[in-house]
Amino acid sequence: MTSTRRALSAIALLATLSGVAACGPADPTAGGPAGGSGSSASPSATASTTSGPGEAGDGAPADDVDGDGKGGDCGKPPTLPAGHLKLKVQLMRDAGGFEAAEAKPHCTPNDWIYGADKGDPTKHYVLPENVKAYLTLGPGQSKQVDHEQLALHVDRCLAQENGAPDDYPEVEAPYGCYGNVYEVTLNAKGEVETMKEIWSV
């Protein structure tokens, strides 16, 4: 019964998120921001207490994968190195920048999953030409790409997520779309300095 409750709770959680990405051993660690660090988190990354499958007015914690009101079994929420953010890209009007919400960790049977709800507040981020960008190739693998490749990838994954027409260009192998969640660092001007796509199942 416990495994059934966990599976149902995980499905409910994923349905409430507009995009998710897993944190844990499956996270890419090669070629990431700040010298290849695969560390994940944001200074304020804690488990959400304002949304989740157990919070439909019953006061249960957001990581209540068992449905017992006591929370999940993922352990402590992950923390990010200082200066790192995890963002869920919500909108990209052009290659010069994007709108994103803070991606927060939610406990599921598959470990911590990062995502943001549709109504979460967003902020505009400038994406300069010299950004150091990395797209995931799968668990533990990523490849550095240029500004144009990153912008096209984000645009096409957003289109896929939002139900683009059949004739809209799709992301081509070896890349894929994994919830539009990225680990980001900013430069002294507040512009995106590094941007690494987070792989998820």
Protein backbone atom coordinates (compact mmCIF):
# COMPACT_ATOMS: atom_id res chain seq x y z
CA MET A 1 0.00 0.00 0.00
CA THR A 2 2.86 2.41 0.78
CA SER A 3 4.37 2.07 -2.69
CA THR A 4 0.93 2.63 -4.27
CA ARG A 5 0.36 5.77 -2.22
CA ARG A 6 3.82 7.03 -3.16
CA ALA A 7 3.22 6.47 -6.86
CA LEU A 8 -0.15 8.23 -6.78
CA SER A 9 1.27 11.12 -4.79
CA ALA A 10 4.19 11.50 -7.21
CA ILE A 11 1.78 11.64 -10.17
CA ALA A 12 -0.28 14.27 -8.44
CA LEU A 13 2.81 16.35 -7.67
CA LEU A 14 4.15 16.21 -11.22
CA ALA A 15 0.75 17.21 -12.56
CA THR A 16 0.86 20.44 -10.52
CA LEU A 17 4.25 21.50 -11.85
CA SER A 18 4.74 23.18 -15.21
CA GLY A 19 8.26 21.72 -15.47
CA VAL A 20 10.39 19.53 -13.31
CA ALA A 21 13.94 18.28 -13.10
CA ALA A 22 15.43 15.66 -10.82
CA CYS A 23 18.16 16.26 -8.30
CA GLY A 24 20.43 13.48 -7.15
CA PRO A 25 22.89 11.02 -8.62
CA ALA A 26 21.30 11.38 -12.06
CA ASP A 27 22.10 15.11 -12.29
CA PRO A 28 24.68 15.96 -14.98
CA THR A 29 28.06 16.76 -13.51
CA ALA A 30 30.21 17.17 -16.60
CA GLY A 31 30.91 20.62 -17.98
CA GLY A 32 28.59 22.49 -15.63
CA PRO A 33 28.70 26.09 -14.45
CA ALA A 34 31.58 27.40 -12.43
CA GLY A 35 34.22 24.99 -13.59
CA GLY A 36 32.07 21.93 -14.13
CA SER A 37 30.40 21.70 -10.74
CA GLY A 38 27.30 19.53 -10.86
CA SER A 39 26.15 20.90 -7.51
CA SER A 40 22.54 21.88 -7.37
CA ALA A 41 20.55 24.41 -5.48
CA SER A 42 19.77 28.03 -4.77
CA PRO A 43 20.53 29.98 -1.62
CA SER A 44 16.85 29.81 -0.80
CA ALA A 45 16.20 26.29 -2.07
CA THR A 46 14.00 24.60 0.48
CA ALA A 47 11.07 22.28 0.05
CA SER A 48 7.97 24.19 -0.98
CA THR A 49 5.46 24.73 1.79
CA THR A 50 2.94 26.55 -0.38
CA SER A 51 2.14 23.96 -3.01
CA GLY A 52 2.05 20.22 -3.43
CA PRO A 53 -0.27 17.26 -3.47
CA GLY A 54 -0.85 17.30 0.26
CA GLU A 55 -1.85 20.94 0.51
CA ALA A 56 -5.37 21.06 -0.79
CA GLY A 57 -6.47 22.77 2.41
CA ASP A 58 -5.51 19.92 4.74
CA GLY A 59 -2.26 21.42 6.04
CA ALA A 60 -0.12 18.44 4.96
CA PRO A 61 3.50 19.17 3.99
CA ALA A 62 4.41 19.56 0.31
CA ASP A 63 6.68 16.51 0.43
CA ASP A 64 4.00 14.18 1.85
CA VAL A 65 4.64 11.28 -0.54
CA ASP A 66 3.09 8.74 1.86
CA GLY A 67 -0.14 10.61 2.43
CA ASP A 68 0.38 10.25 6.17
CA GLY A 69 0.77 13.96 6.92
CA LYS A 70 4.37 13.50 8.08
CA GLY A 71 6.26 14.44 4.93
CA GLY A 72 8.39 12.38 2.58
CA ASP A 73 11.56 10.35 2.98
CA CYS A 74 13.99 12.27 0.74
CA GLY A 75 16.04 13.56 3.64
CA LYS A 76 17.18 17.16 3.85
CA PRO A 77 16.38 19.35 0.82
CA PRO A 78 19.42 19.94 -1.40
CA THR A 79 21.31 23.21 -1.12
CA LEU A 80 23.07 25.12 -3.88
CA PRO A 81 26.52 26.68 -3.78
CA ALA A 82 26.54 30.39 -3.03
CA GLY A 83 25.60 32.40 -6.10
CA HIS A 84 23.84 29.53 -7.89
CA LEU A 85 20.14 29.49 -8.79
CA LYS A 86 17.84 26.88 -10.25
CA LEU A 87 15.32 28.47 -12.58
CA LYS A 88 12.30 27.21 -14.50
CA VAL A 89 12.16 29.15 -17.78
CA GLN A 90 8.57 30.23 -18.44
CA LEU A 91 8.83 32.58 -21.42
CA MET A 92 11.40 33.61 -24.03
CA ARG A 93 10.43 36.43 -26.40
CA ASP A 94 13.83 36.66 -28.10
CA ALA A 95 17.42 35.45 -27.76
CA GLY A 96 18.35 38.40 -25.54
CA GLY A 97 16.68 37.12 -22.40
CA PHE A 98 13.93 35.11 -20.75
CA GLU A 99 11.39 35.10 -17.93
CA ALA A 100 11.90 32.49 -15.24
CA ALA A 101 10.60 31.46 -11.83
CA GLU A 102 12.70 30.01 -9.05
CA ALA A 103 12.65 26.21 -9.31
CA LYS A 104 12.07 24.65 -5.90
CA PRO A 105 12.71 21.07 -4.79
CA HIS A 106 9.73 18.79 -4.11
CA CYS A 107 10.11 15.35 -2.54
CA THR A 108 8.87 12.42 -4.63
CA PRO A 109 9.62 8.67 -4.70
CA ASN A 110 12.25 9.55 -7.35
CA ASP A 111 14.11 11.82 -4.91
CA TRP A 112 13.97 15.61 -5.04
CA ILE A 113 12.33 17.00 -8.20
CA TYR A 114 12.77 20.67 -9.16
CA GLY A 115 9.91 22.65 -10.66
CA ALA A 116 7.72 25.73 -10.47
CA ASP A 117 3.98 26.28 -10.59
CA LYS A 118 2.29 28.26 -13.36
CA GLY A 119 1.40 31.11 -11.02
CA ASP A 120 4.83 31.51 -9.41
CA PRO A 121 6.36 34.98 -9.77
CA THR A 122 8.85 35.38 -12.60
CA LYS A 123 11.80 37.66 -13.22
CA HIS A 124 13.48 38.79 -16.43
CA TYR A 125 17.05 37.56 -16.99
CA VAL A 126 19.38 39.01 -19.63
CA LEU A 127 21.13 36.36 -21.75
CA PRO A 128 24.35 37.89 -23.15
CA GLU A 129 26.18 36.61 -26.22
CA ASN A 130 29.14 35.41 -24.13
CA VAL A 131 27.06 33.16 -21.82
CA LYS A 132 28.68 29.82 -20.96
CA ALA A 133 25.91 27.36 -21.76
CA TYR A 134 25.59 23.60 -21.30
CA LEU A 135 22.87 21.29 -22.59
CA THR A 136 22.33 17.86 -21.10
CA LEU A 137 22.92 14.70 -23.13
CA GLY A 138 21.50 12.46 -20.44
CA PRO A 139 22.32 11.52 -16.83
CA GLY A 140 25.81 12.68 -15.94
CA GLN A 141 26.52 14.14 -19.38
CA SER A 142 26.40 17.64 -20.81
CA LYS A 143 27.91 19.57 -23.72
CA GLN A 144 28.90 23.21 -23.99
CA VAL A 145 27.00 25.15 -26.66
CA ASP A 146 27.00 28.73 -27.88
CA HIS A 147 24.44 31.47 -27.25
CA GLU A 148 22.46 30.78 -30.43
CA GLN A 149 22.21 27.05 -29.77
CA LEU A 150 21.04 27.69 -26.21
CA ALA A 151 18.41 30.23 -27.28
CA LEU A 152 17.02 27.90 -29.95
CA HIS A 153 16.94 25.00 -27.51
CA VAL A 154 15.06 26.97 -24.85
CA ASP A 155 12.59 28.30 -27.43
CA ARG A 156 11.85 24.86 -28.88
CA CYS A 157 11.50 23.16 -25.50
CA LEU A 158 9.10 25.89 -24.35
CA ALA A 159 7.11 25.45 -27.56
CA GLN A 160 6.97 21.69 -26.98
CA GLU A 161 5.84 22.18 -23.39
CA ASN A 162 3.12 24.63 -24.43
CA GLY A 163 1.75 22.53 -27.29
CA ALA A 164 3.39 23.93 -30.43
CA PRO A 165 1.92 23.23 -33.90
CA ASP A 166 3.11 20.04 -35.60
CA ASP A 167 5.21 22.03 -38.07
CA TYR A 168 7.16 23.91 -35.36
CA PRO A 169 10.89 22.95 -35.31
CA GLU A 170 11.69 20.31 -32.69
CA VAL A 171 14.80 19.72 -30.61
CA GLU A 172 17.07 17.30 -32.44
CA ALA A 173 19.26 14.51 -31.08
CA PRO A 174 21.47 14.24 -29.14
CA TYR A 175 19.50 16.80 -27.12
CA GLY A 176 16.06 16.59 -25.56
CA CYS A 177 13.65 18.59 -23.39
CA TYR A 178 13.66 17.93 -19.64
CA GLY A 179 11.30 20.46 -18.08
CA ASN A 180 13.12 23.71 -18.90
CA VAL A 181 14.95 23.83 -15.57
CA TYR A 182 18.48 25.27 -15.52
CA GLU A 183 21.19 25.91 -12.97
CA VAL A 184 22.33 29.51 -13.42
CA THR A 185 24.97 31.91 -12.15
CA LEU A 186 24.90 35.66 -12.70
CA ASN A 187 27.71 38.13 -13.36
CA ALA A 188 28.33 41.43 -11.56
CA LYS A 189 25.76 43.15 -13.81
CA GLY A 190 23.08 40.62 -12.90
CA GLU A 191 23.20 39.02 -16.36
CA VAL A 192 23.34 35.27 -16.90
CA GLU A 193 26.97 34.14 -16.81
CA THR A 194 26.53 30.36 -16.89
CA MET A 195 23.42 28.33 -17.71
CA LYS A 196 23.28 24.54 -17.41
CA GLU A 197 20.28 22.43 -18.34
CA ILE A 198 19.19 19.98 -15.63
CA TRP A 199 18.43 16.43 -16.72
CA SER A 200 15.36 14.69 -15.31
CA VAL A 201 13.45 11.47 -15.85
